[in-house]
N, C-alpha and C. Protein backbone atom coordinates (compact mmCIF):
# COMPACT_ATOMS: atom_id res chain seq x y z
N MET A 1 4.63 -27.74 -19.71
CA MET A 1 5.27 -27.10 -18.55
C MET A 1 4.97 -27.93 -17.23
N GLY A 2 5.95 -28.12 -16.40
CA GLY A 2 5.58 -28.39 -15.05
C GLY A 2 5.05 -27.71 -14.19
N GLU A 3 4.31 -28.29 -12.99
CA GLU A 3 4.04 -27.41 -11.90
C GLU A 3 4.94 -26.70 -11.31
N ARG A 4 4.65 -25.64 -10.92
CA ARG A 4 5.71 -24.76 -10.06
C ARG A 4 5.64 -25.42 -8.72
N LYS A 5 6.81 -25.63 -8.14
CA LYS A 5 6.79 -26.07 -6.68
C LYS A 5 6.77 -24.97 -5.89
N PRO A 6 6.00 -25.05 -4.58
CA PRO A 6 5.82 -24.07 -3.68
C PRO A 6 7.23 -23.75 -3.01
N LYS A 7 7.35 -22.50 -3.09
CA LYS A 7 8.80 -21.98 -2.23
C LYS A 7 8.96 -22.47 -0.86
N ARG A 8 10.18 -23.08 -0.52
CA ARG A 8 10.30 -23.12 0.84
C ARG A 8 9.88 -22.10 1.91
N ALA A 9 9.85 -22.42 3.08
CA ALA A 9 9.54 -21.20 4.08
C ALA A 9 10.69 -20.39 4.05
N ASP A 10 12.06 -20.85 4.10
CA ASP A 10 13.04 -19.83 4.21
C ASP A 10 13.15 -18.98 3.15
N ALA A 11 12.69 -19.49 1.79
CA ALA A 11 12.81 -18.76 0.65
C ALA A 11 11.70 -17.60 0.43
N ARG A 12 10.56 -18.07 1.07
CA ARG A 12 9.28 -17.12 1.09
C ARG A 12 9.79 -15.96 2.22
N ARG A 13 10.50 -16.22 3.18
CA ARG A 13 10.90 -15.40 4.37
C ARG A 13 11.94 -14.33 3.82
N ASN A 14 12.91 -14.95 2.94
CA ASN A 14 13.81 -14.16 2.30
C ASN A 14 13.13 -13.19 1.32
N GLU A 15 12.35 -13.79 0.65
CA GLU A 15 11.62 -12.86 -0.44
C GLU A 15 10.84 -11.70 0.30
N LYS A 16 9.96 -12.08 1.51
CA LYS A 16 9.30 -11.14 2.19
C LYS A 16 10.14 -10.15 2.66
N THR A 17 11.45 -10.26 3.30
CA THR A 17 12.44 -9.52 3.53
C THR A 17 12.89 -8.55 2.49
N LEU A 18 13.16 -9.01 1.43
CA LEU A 18 13.45 -8.23 0.26
C LEU A 18 12.52 -7.23 -0.03
N LEU A 19 11.17 -7.74 -0.18
CA LEU A 19 9.94 -6.94 -0.58
C LEU A 19 9.88 -5.72 0.55
N ASP A 20 10.01 -6.14 1.86
CA ASP A 20 9.86 -5.15 3.04
C ASP A 20 10.78 -4.08 2.79
N ALA A 21 12.00 -4.43 2.39
CA ALA A 21 12.90 -3.59 2.17
C ALA A 21 12.84 -2.65 1.04
N ALA A 22 12.62 -3.06 -0.08
CA ALA A 22 12.33 -2.42 -1.28
C ALA A 22 11.21 -1.43 -1.09
N ALA A 23 9.99 -1.79 -0.24
CA ALA A 23 9.03 -1.00 -0.20
C ALA A 23 9.42 0.01 0.66
N ALA A 24 10.04 -0.03 1.72
CA ALA A 24 10.77 0.90 2.65
C ALA A 24 11.58 1.84 2.02
N VAL A 25 12.43 1.41 1.02
CA VAL A 25 13.32 2.35 0.23
C VAL A 25 12.33 3.00 -0.89
N PHE A 26 11.53 2.36 -1.32
CA PHE A 26 10.75 3.13 -2.44
C PHE A 26 9.93 4.33 -1.94
N VAL A 27 9.26 4.01 -0.52
CA VAL A 27 8.49 5.09 0.00
C VAL A 27 9.30 6.10 0.33
N ALA A 28 10.80 5.92 1.08
CA ALA A 28 11.69 7.02 1.28
C ALA A 28 12.27 7.58 -0.12
N SER A 29 12.73 6.77 -0.88
CA SER A 29 13.39 7.35 -1.99
C SER A 29 12.90 7.41 -3.44
N GLY A 30 11.80 6.66 -3.53
CA GLY A 30 10.91 6.63 -4.87
C GLY A 30 11.43 5.24 -5.36
N VAL A 31 10.67 4.75 -6.70
CA VAL A 31 10.98 3.58 -7.37
C VAL A 31 12.23 3.60 -8.02
N ASP A 32 13.02 4.83 -8.24
CA ASP A 32 14.14 4.78 -9.01
C ASP A 32 15.36 4.68 -7.82
N ALA A 33 15.28 4.41 -6.84
CA ALA A 33 16.16 4.20 -5.89
C ALA A 33 17.04 3.14 -6.35
N PRO A 34 18.44 3.16 -6.07
CA PRO A 34 19.33 2.20 -6.53
C PRO A 34 19.11 0.96 -5.84
N VAL A 35 19.36 -0.07 -6.68
CA VAL A 35 19.19 -1.47 -5.91
C VAL A 35 20.18 -1.71 -4.87
N ARG A 36 21.25 -1.38 -4.89
CA ARG A 36 22.27 -1.31 -3.79
C ARG A 36 21.70 -0.69 -2.59
N GLU A 37 20.96 0.11 -2.53
CA GLU A 37 20.27 0.92 -1.33
C GLU A 37 19.09 -0.29 -0.80
N ILE A 38 18.58 -0.84 -1.63
CA ILE A 38 17.55 -1.98 -1.31
C ILE A 38 18.15 -3.01 -0.57
N ALA A 39 19.32 -3.65 -1.32
CA ALA A 39 20.20 -4.70 -0.75
C ALA A 39 20.80 -4.40 0.48
N ALA A 40 21.33 -3.13 0.66
CA ALA A 40 21.85 -2.96 1.97
C ALA A 40 20.66 -3.08 3.11
N LYS A 41 19.52 -2.53 2.79
CA LYS A 41 18.31 -2.36 3.69
C LYS A 41 18.07 -3.82 4.13
N ALA A 42 17.90 -4.65 3.09
CA ALA A 42 17.55 -6.09 3.27
C ALA A 42 18.61 -7.10 3.95
N GLY A 43 20.06 -6.45 3.78
CA GLY A 43 21.08 -7.26 4.34
C GLY A 43 21.50 -8.34 3.51
N VAL A 44 21.32 -8.28 2.07
CA VAL A 44 21.84 -9.22 1.15
C VAL A 44 22.53 -8.33 0.06
N GLY A 45 23.18 -9.21 -0.68
CA GLY A 45 23.93 -8.82 -1.99
C GLY A 45 23.02 -8.52 -3.17
N MET A 46 23.60 -7.75 -4.05
CA MET A 46 22.72 -7.17 -5.16
C MET A 46 22.33 -8.51 -6.03
N GLY A 47 23.16 -9.62 -6.01
CA GLY A 47 23.05 -10.62 -6.80
C GLY A 47 21.67 -11.52 -6.46
N THR A 48 21.47 -11.34 -5.04
CA THR A 48 20.18 -12.08 -4.30
C THR A 48 19.02 -11.17 -5.01
N ILE A 49 18.94 -9.98 -5.14
CA ILE A 49 17.79 -9.34 -5.54
C ILE A 49 17.65 -9.74 -6.99
N TYR A 50 18.59 -9.56 -7.74
CA TYR A 50 18.45 -10.04 -9.29
C TYR A 50 18.00 -11.44 -9.64
N ARG A 51 18.54 -12.08 -8.67
CA ARG A 51 18.04 -13.85 -8.65
C ARG A 51 16.44 -13.79 -8.46
N HIS A 52 15.95 -13.06 -7.63
CA HIS A 52 14.53 -13.12 -7.26
C HIS A 52 13.78 -12.10 -8.25
N PHE A 53 14.33 -11.03 -8.79
CA PHE A 53 13.62 -10.00 -9.56
C PHE A 53 14.59 -9.67 -10.79
N PRO A 54 14.67 -10.12 -11.75
CA PRO A 54 15.51 -10.13 -12.73
C PRO A 54 15.48 -8.51 -13.37
N THR A 55 14.35 -7.84 -13.31
CA THR A 55 14.33 -6.39 -13.69
C THR A 55 13.73 -5.61 -12.58
N ARG A 56 13.79 -4.23 -12.76
CA ARG A 56 13.35 -3.41 -11.65
C ARG A 56 11.84 -3.27 -12.03
N ALA A 57 11.27 -3.76 -13.03
CA ALA A 57 9.73 -3.52 -13.10
C ALA A 57 9.24 -4.93 -12.53
N ASP A 58 9.98 -6.09 -12.53
CA ASP A 58 9.56 -7.17 -11.72
C ASP A 58 9.55 -7.11 -10.35
N LEU A 59 10.59 -6.28 -9.67
CA LEU A 59 10.76 -5.87 -8.39
C LEU A 59 9.42 -4.89 -7.92
N ILE A 60 9.36 -3.94 -8.85
CA ILE A 60 8.16 -3.06 -8.50
C ILE A 60 6.72 -3.54 -8.40
N ILE A 61 6.66 -4.56 -9.46
CA ILE A 61 5.26 -5.30 -9.28
C ILE A 61 5.18 -6.17 -8.38
N ALA A 62 6.18 -6.84 -7.82
CA ALA A 62 6.34 -7.62 -6.65
C ALA A 62 6.06 -6.78 -5.38
N VAL A 63 6.64 -5.55 -5.17
CA VAL A 63 6.41 -4.76 -4.03
C VAL A 63 4.90 -4.28 -3.97
N PHE A 64 4.50 -3.90 -5.17
CA PHE A 64 3.01 -3.43 -5.35
C PHE A 64 2.12 -4.72 -4.89
N ARG A 65 2.09 -5.67 -5.14
CA ARG A 65 1.37 -6.95 -4.89
C ARG A 65 1.65 -7.30 -3.17
N HIS A 66 2.80 -7.32 -2.88
CA HIS A 66 3.25 -7.23 -1.50
C HIS A 66 2.61 -6.34 -0.72
N GLN A 67 2.56 -5.17 -1.12
CA GLN A 67 1.81 -3.91 -0.20
C GLN A 67 0.54 -4.08 -0.23
N VAL A 68 -0.24 -4.57 -1.42
CA VAL A 68 -1.65 -4.84 -1.34
C VAL A 68 -1.79 -5.95 -0.39
N ASP A 69 -1.06 -6.99 -0.35
CA ASP A 69 -1.47 -7.96 0.43
C ASP A 69 -1.34 -7.80 1.91
N ALA A 70 -0.15 -6.89 2.26
CA ALA A 70 -0.10 -6.52 3.55
C ALA A 70 -1.15 -5.50 3.90
N CYS A 71 -1.56 -4.68 3.25
CA CYS A 71 -2.86 -3.71 3.48
C CYS A 71 -4.05 -4.52 3.60
N VAL A 72 -4.31 -5.55 2.92
CA VAL A 72 -5.44 -6.51 3.02
C VAL A 72 -5.47 -7.15 4.39
N ALA A 73 -4.19 -7.66 4.86
CA ALA A 73 -4.16 -8.33 6.08
C ALA A 73 -4.35 -7.42 7.15
N ALA A 74 -3.82 -6.18 6.99
CA ALA A 74 -3.66 -5.33 8.25
C ALA A 74 -5.13 -4.92 8.42
N GLY A 75 -6.14 -4.83 7.71
CA GLY A 75 -7.54 -4.60 7.88
C GLY A 75 -8.08 -5.19 9.11
N PRO A 76 -8.21 -6.55 9.00
CA PRO A 76 -8.93 -7.36 10.11
C PRO A 76 -7.79 -7.25 11.24
N ALA A 77 -6.78 -7.16 11.23
CA ALA A 77 -5.82 -7.39 12.33
C ALA A 77 -5.95 -5.95 13.19
N LEU A 78 -6.00 -4.97 12.35
CA LEU A 78 -6.05 -3.49 13.11
C LEU A 78 -7.68 -3.63 13.98
N LEU A 79 -8.53 -3.84 13.22
CA LEU A 79 -9.81 -4.11 14.02
C LEU A 79 -9.90 -4.84 15.28
N ALA A 80 -9.30 -5.97 15.14
CA ALA A 80 -9.09 -6.81 16.27
C ALA A 80 -8.31 -6.35 17.34
N ALA A 81 -7.28 -5.45 16.96
CA ALA A 81 -6.19 -4.86 17.89
C ALA A 81 -6.80 -3.53 18.72
N ASN A 82 -7.83 -2.82 17.94
CA ASN A 82 -8.36 -1.61 18.41
C ASN A 82 -9.65 -1.58 18.99
N GLU A 83 -9.90 -1.10 20.19
CA GLU A 83 -11.22 -0.61 20.68
C GLU A 83 -12.18 0.08 19.82
N SER A 84 -11.31 1.07 19.24
CA SER A 84 -12.06 1.98 18.31
C SER A 84 -11.90 1.58 16.83
N PRO A 85 -12.97 1.11 16.05
CA PRO A 85 -12.95 1.17 14.69
C PRO A 85 -12.37 2.23 13.88
N PHE A 86 -12.67 3.40 14.47
CA PHE A 86 -12.24 4.72 13.82
C PHE A 86 -10.54 4.59 13.82
N ARG A 87 -9.97 4.22 15.04
CA ARG A 87 -8.55 4.29 15.20
C ARG A 87 -7.96 3.35 14.22
N ALA A 88 -8.67 2.12 14.07
CA ALA A 88 -8.35 1.16 13.25
C ALA A 88 -8.26 1.64 11.69
N LEU A 89 -9.31 2.20 11.33
CA LEU A 89 -9.57 2.68 10.22
C LEU A 89 -8.32 3.75 9.91
N ALA A 90 -8.10 4.78 10.82
CA ALA A 90 -6.81 5.75 10.74
C ALA A 90 -5.65 5.06 10.47
N GLN A 91 -5.39 4.06 11.09
CA GLN A 91 -4.00 3.25 10.96
C GLN A 91 -3.98 2.57 9.92
N TRP A 92 -5.04 2.00 9.41
CA TRP A 92 -4.89 1.48 7.94
C TRP A 92 -4.84 2.33 7.01
N VAL A 93 -5.50 3.58 6.97
CA VAL A 93 -5.28 4.57 5.80
C VAL A 93 -3.64 4.95 5.81
N ASP A 94 -3.09 5.02 7.11
CA ASP A 94 -1.86 5.45 7.17
C ASP A 94 -1.02 4.38 6.53
N ARG A 95 -1.13 3.15 6.49
CA ARG A 95 -0.51 2.01 5.83
C ARG A 95 -0.68 2.24 4.21
N TYR A 96 -2.06 2.51 4.14
CA TYR A 96 -2.39 2.88 2.53
C TYR A 96 -1.82 3.91 1.82
N VAL A 97 -1.44 5.04 2.68
CA VAL A 97 -0.61 6.03 2.16
C VAL A 97 0.87 5.69 1.72
N ASP A 98 1.40 4.88 2.39
CA ASP A 98 2.81 4.34 1.94
C ASP A 98 2.67 3.60 0.83
N PHE A 99 1.61 2.91 0.78
CA PHE A 99 1.30 1.93 -0.71
C PHE A 99 1.17 2.95 -1.85
N VAL A 100 0.33 3.89 -1.55
CA VAL A 100 0.06 4.86 -2.83
C VAL A 100 1.23 5.71 -3.10
N VAL A 101 1.94 6.03 -2.27
CA VAL A 101 3.35 6.69 -2.79
C VAL A 101 4.25 5.78 -3.66
N THR A 102 4.24 4.53 -3.38
CA THR A 102 5.04 3.64 -4.07
C THR A 102 4.14 3.49 -5.46
N LYS A 103 2.98 3.27 -5.45
CA LYS A 103 2.10 2.95 -6.52
C LYS A 103 2.29 4.04 -7.63
N HIS A 104 2.38 5.20 -7.19
CA HIS A 104 2.60 6.45 -8.36
C HIS A 104 3.85 6.08 -8.93
N GLY A 105 4.71 5.59 -8.62
CA GLY A 105 5.92 5.36 -9.49
C GLY A 105 5.85 4.11 -10.30
N LEU A 106 5.06 3.36 -9.92
CA LEU A 106 4.86 2.10 -10.78
C LEU A 106 4.13 2.53 -12.23
N ALA A 107 3.41 3.49 -12.35
CA ALA A 107 2.82 4.03 -13.57
C ALA A 107 3.99 4.19 -14.61
N GLY A 108 4.98 4.86 -14.17
CA GLY A 108 6.20 5.15 -15.07
C GLY A 108 6.82 4.08 -15.47
N VAL A 109 6.87 3.02 -14.76
CA VAL A 109 7.76 1.85 -15.06
C VAL A 109 6.82 0.97 -16.04
N LEU A 110 5.95 1.08 -16.05
CA LEU A 110 4.77 0.13 -17.05
C LEU A 110 4.11 0.92 -17.80
N GLN A 111 4.42 2.19 -18.22
CA GLN A 111 3.78 2.92 -19.03
C GLN A 111 3.54 2.34 -20.50
N SER A 112 4.50 1.38 -21.00
CA SER A 112 4.32 0.67 -22.25
C SER A 112 3.58 -0.59 -22.12
N ASP A 113 3.24 -0.82 -20.78
CA ASP A 113 2.44 -2.27 -20.64
C ASP A 113 0.87 -1.75 -19.92
N GLN A 114 0.04 -1.36 -21.01
CA GLN A 114 -1.06 -1.14 -20.38
C GLN A 114 -2.18 -2.16 -19.96
N ALA A 115 -1.95 -3.35 -20.38
CA ALA A 115 -2.67 -4.85 -19.88
C ALA A 115 -2.01 -5.10 -18.48
N GLY A 116 -0.76 -4.87 -18.29
CA GLY A 116 -0.21 -5.18 -17.00
C GLY A 116 -0.71 -4.25 -16.11
N THR A 117 -0.66 -2.88 -16.32
CA THR A 117 -1.18 -1.78 -15.70
C THR A 117 -2.67 -2.15 -15.06
N GLU A 118 -3.49 -2.51 -16.19
CA GLU A 118 -4.99 -2.82 -15.96
C GLU A 118 -5.16 -3.97 -14.79
N THR A 119 -4.29 -5.09 -15.23
CA THR A 119 -4.28 -6.17 -14.27
C THR A 119 -3.99 -5.87 -12.86
N LEU A 120 -2.97 -5.01 -12.49
CA LEU A 120 -2.58 -4.73 -11.21
C LEU A 120 -3.54 -3.75 -10.69
N HIS A 121 -4.21 -2.84 -11.31
CA HIS A 121 -5.27 -1.96 -10.76
C HIS A 121 -6.34 -2.68 -10.48
N ALA A 122 -6.98 -3.82 -11.15
CA ALA A 122 -7.97 -4.83 -10.87
C ALA A 122 -7.50 -5.50 -9.52
N TYR A 123 -6.27 -5.93 -9.54
CA TYR A 123 -5.89 -6.72 -8.32
C TYR A 123 -6.03 -5.65 -6.94
N PHE A 124 -5.71 -4.51 -7.11
CA PHE A 124 -5.83 -3.42 -6.17
C PHE A 124 -7.03 -3.15 -5.56
N VAL A 125 -8.10 -2.88 -6.69
CA VAL A 125 -9.45 -2.73 -6.18
C VAL A 125 -10.05 -3.97 -5.75
N ASP A 126 -9.91 -4.99 -6.36
CA ASP A 126 -10.62 -6.29 -6.05
C ASP A 126 -10.28 -6.58 -4.56
N ARG A 127 -8.96 -6.33 -4.13
CA ARG A 127 -8.54 -6.92 -2.78
C ARG A 127 -8.84 -5.67 -1.77
N LEU A 128 -8.50 -4.44 -2.02
CA LEU A 128 -8.54 -3.35 -1.01
C LEU A 128 -9.82 -2.72 -0.78
N VAL A 129 -10.60 -2.53 -1.88
CA VAL A 129 -11.99 -2.00 -1.62
C VAL A 129 -12.75 -2.81 -0.43
N PRO A 130 -12.82 -4.18 -0.51
CA PRO A 130 -13.57 -4.66 0.67
C PRO A 130 -12.96 -4.68 1.77
N VAL A 131 -11.69 -4.36 2.04
CA VAL A 131 -10.94 -4.24 3.53
C VAL A 131 -11.42 -2.98 3.90
N CYS A 132 -11.25 -1.75 3.01
CA CYS A 132 -11.72 -0.54 3.41
C CYS A 132 -13.09 -0.41 3.70
N ALA A 133 -14.14 -1.25 3.00
CA ALA A 133 -15.61 -1.11 3.35
C ALA A 133 -15.81 -1.82 4.67
N GLU A 134 -14.99 -2.88 5.10
CA GLU A 134 -15.23 -3.51 6.39
C GLU A 134 -14.84 -2.40 7.59
N LEU A 135 -13.51 -1.87 7.35
CA LEU A 135 -13.24 -0.74 8.24
C LEU A 135 -14.18 0.38 8.28
N LEU A 136 -14.71 0.92 7.29
CA LEU A 136 -15.94 1.85 7.31
C LEU A 136 -17.03 1.45 8.07
N ASP A 137 -17.36 0.40 7.45
CA ASP A 137 -18.74 -0.10 8.08
C ASP A 137 -18.50 -0.40 9.59
N ALA A 138 -17.60 -0.70 10.01
CA ALA A 138 -17.42 -1.05 11.58
C ALA A 138 -17.25 0.41 12.26
N ALA A 139 -16.71 1.36 11.69
CA ALA A 139 -16.72 2.65 12.40
C ALA A 139 -18.08 3.06 12.49
N VAL A 140 -18.78 3.10 11.35
CA VAL A 140 -20.31 3.42 11.34
C VAL A 140 -21.01 2.87 12.09
N ALA A 141 -20.88 1.52 12.19
CA ALA A 141 -21.76 0.82 13.35
C ALA A 141 -21.55 1.12 14.72
N ALA A 142 -20.27 1.64 14.91
CA ALA A 142 -19.86 2.17 16.36
C ALA A 142 -20.19 3.59 16.66
N GLY A 143 -20.80 4.26 15.54
CA GLY A 143 -21.22 5.90 15.67
C GLY A 143 -19.92 6.46 15.74
N GLU A 144 -18.86 6.11 15.18
CA GLU A 144 -17.66 7.18 15.27
C GLU A 144 -17.64 7.91 13.85
N ILE A 145 -18.08 7.46 12.72
CA ILE A 145 -18.07 8.16 11.45
C ILE A 145 -19.44 8.26 11.03
N ARG A 146 -19.72 9.20 10.07
CA ARG A 146 -20.93 9.33 9.54
C ARG A 146 -21.01 8.40 8.34
N ALA A 147 -22.23 7.84 8.07
CA ALA A 147 -22.59 6.92 7.08
C ALA A 147 -22.51 7.63 5.61
N GLY A 148 -22.21 6.80 4.72
CA GLY A 148 -22.44 7.28 3.19
C GLY A 148 -20.94 7.44 2.54
N VAL A 149 -20.08 7.35 3.11
CA VAL A 149 -18.60 7.42 2.57
C VAL A 149 -18.25 6.05 1.96
N GLN A 150 -18.22 5.99 0.65
CA GLN A 150 -18.04 4.79 -0.28
C GLN A 150 -16.47 4.44 0.03
N PRO A 151 -16.11 3.17 0.03
CA PRO A 151 -14.71 2.89 0.25
C PRO A 151 -13.77 3.57 -0.72
N LEU A 152 -14.29 3.23 -2.23
CA LEU A 152 -13.39 3.86 -3.37
C LEU A 152 -13.34 5.36 -3.30
N GLU A 153 -14.32 6.01 -2.78
CA GLU A 153 -14.34 7.57 -2.68
C GLU A 153 -13.16 7.85 -1.90
N LEU A 154 -12.94 7.10 -0.42
CA LEU A 154 -11.98 7.42 0.56
C LEU A 154 -10.78 6.92 -0.23
N MET A 155 -10.60 6.02 -0.91
CA MET A 155 -9.33 5.41 -1.47
C MET A 155 -8.87 6.66 -2.48
N ARG A 156 -9.70 6.90 -3.26
CA ARG A 156 -9.31 7.72 -4.44
C ARG A 156 -8.90 9.21 -3.71
N GLY A 157 -9.66 9.68 -2.59
CA GLY A 157 -9.31 11.10 -2.01
C GLY A 157 -8.02 10.95 -1.36
N VAL A 158 -7.56 9.72 -0.76
CA VAL A 158 -6.29 9.70 -0.01
C VAL A 158 -5.36 9.54 -1.24
N GLY A 159 -5.48 8.86 -2.26
CA GLY A 159 -4.66 8.77 -3.45
C GLY A 159 -4.33 10.06 -4.19
N ASN A 160 -5.30 10.71 -4.29
CA ASN A 160 -5.15 12.16 -4.74
C ASN A 160 -4.40 13.17 -4.04
N LEU A 161 -4.58 12.94 -2.63
CA LEU A 161 -3.75 13.71 -1.66
C LEU A 161 -2.42 13.48 -1.63
N CYS A 162 -2.05 12.11 -2.22
CA CYS A 162 -0.58 11.71 -2.14
C CYS A 162 0.09 12.13 -3.38
N ILE A 163 -0.49 12.58 -4.37
CA ILE A 163 0.16 12.94 -5.38
C ILE A 163 1.21 14.14 -5.19
N GLY A 164 2.48 13.95 -5.73
CA GLY A 164 3.56 14.80 -5.25
C GLY A 164 4.22 14.39 -4.28
N ALA A 165 3.73 13.78 -3.48
CA ALA A 165 4.57 13.35 -2.07
C ALA A 165 5.82 12.58 -2.41
N ASP A 166 6.00 12.02 -3.53
CA ASP A 166 7.14 11.02 -3.70
C ASP A 166 8.15 12.20 -4.59
N THR A 167 7.80 13.18 -5.04
CA THR A 167 8.65 14.13 -5.68
C THR A 167 8.98 15.40 -5.00
N ASP A 168 8.37 15.84 -3.82
CA ASP A 168 8.41 17.16 -3.37
C ASP A 168 8.50 16.79 -1.86
N PRO A 169 9.77 16.96 -1.24
CA PRO A 169 10.08 16.73 0.02
C PRO A 169 9.37 17.61 1.07
N ARG A 170 8.82 18.80 0.32
CA ARG A 170 8.33 19.82 1.49
C ARG A 170 6.70 19.37 1.45
N TYR A 171 6.19 18.57 0.61
CA TYR A 171 4.68 18.30 0.84
C TYR A 171 4.57 17.17 1.68
N ASP A 172 3.77 17.24 2.65
CA ASP A 172 3.38 16.15 3.76
C ASP A 172 2.00 15.66 3.40
N ALA A 173 1.98 14.78 2.58
CA ALA A 173 0.63 14.07 2.51
C ALA A 173 -0.14 13.54 3.46
N ARG A 174 0.94 13.04 4.32
CA ARG A 174 0.17 12.15 5.45
C ARG A 174 -0.62 13.20 6.54
N LYS A 175 -0.07 14.65 6.46
CA LYS A 175 -0.87 15.61 7.16
C LYS A 175 -2.21 15.86 6.54
N LEU A 176 -2.38 15.95 5.34
CA LEU A 176 -3.57 16.15 4.59
C LEU A 176 -4.48 15.15 5.00
N VAL A 177 -3.91 13.93 4.51
CA VAL A 177 -4.79 12.70 4.79
C VAL A 177 -5.37 12.57 6.21
N GLY A 178 -4.58 13.01 7.03
CA GLY A 178 -5.10 12.91 8.55
C GLY A 178 -6.11 13.94 8.65
N ILE A 179 -5.93 14.98 7.91
CA ILE A 179 -7.21 16.09 8.06
C ILE A 179 -8.60 15.47 7.26
N LEU A 180 -8.44 14.84 6.11
CA LEU A 180 -9.41 14.21 5.62
C LEU A 180 -9.91 13.01 6.55
N VAL A 181 -9.17 12.15 6.95
CA VAL A 181 -9.68 10.96 7.84
C VAL A 181 -10.40 11.61 9.20
N ALA A 182 -9.85 12.54 9.73
CA ALA A 182 -10.49 13.23 10.95
C ALA A 182 -11.90 13.87 10.44
N GLY A 183 -11.98 14.35 9.37
CA GLY A 183 -13.24 14.93 8.68
C GLY A 183 -14.36 13.94 8.45
N LEU A 184 -14.13 12.69 8.74
CA LEU A 184 -15.07 11.50 8.84
C LEU A 184 -15.97 11.29 9.85
N ARG A 185 -15.31 11.80 11.09
CA ARG A 185 -15.87 11.56 12.53
C ARG A 185 -17.19 12.36 12.41
N CYS A 186 -18.24 11.78 13.17
CA CYS A 186 -19.50 12.41 13.38
C CYS A 186 -19.30 13.66 14.21
N GLY A 187 -20.12 14.81 13.62
CA GLY A 187 -20.27 15.93 14.33
C GLY A 187 -18.91 16.86 13.92
N THR A 188 -18.08 16.57 12.95
CA THR A 188 -16.96 17.36 12.50
C THR A 188 -17.45 18.44 11.70
N MET A 189 -18.41 18.19 10.72
CA MET A 189 -18.96 18.99 9.76
C MET A 189 -20.27 18.61 9.33
N ASP A 190 -21.17 19.38 8.72
CA ASP A 190 -22.34 18.95 8.25
C ASP A 190 -22.37 17.82 7.35
N ALA A 191 -23.45 16.94 7.44
CA ALA A 191 -23.49 15.82 6.57
C ALA A 191 -23.95 16.19 5.15
């Protein structure tokens, strides 16, 4: 097999536009949303989507990786843009919620591919846990939150609060996640 040539800059931009649109549609409507809805949001034809992602599973996996990469990049950017590490953490968790809502639909799509699911989960943990740790450490160092909260604990807690958000429009996971994050602040409850 020959080496894969890197994509041209315009092709990378087009793919990013598609993935951003698909992620937004998946968050709003679930991973079963019609491809035409994604195409309309991205401003492209359905053929363009199928050219990049021949199956729905291909598209969902690409969105999953795209969202992980966006969450990874957002951590340091939010820390740099905020005077308060706690505010950066809260904004990052908000982005993470969007990712988790989409991630829940992934399990159904990949239910017959246990190895693929495990590979994606490892990608998720390996990339996101260090970013969450960096945000938590900065907020602890600034005296804004209590020490001792492990990144994976926080991420699992957020994930558990998001269960059902993609299927019940009356359930506001973001509200409960906000309460969880507020509870990290120093002085909000006994350690």
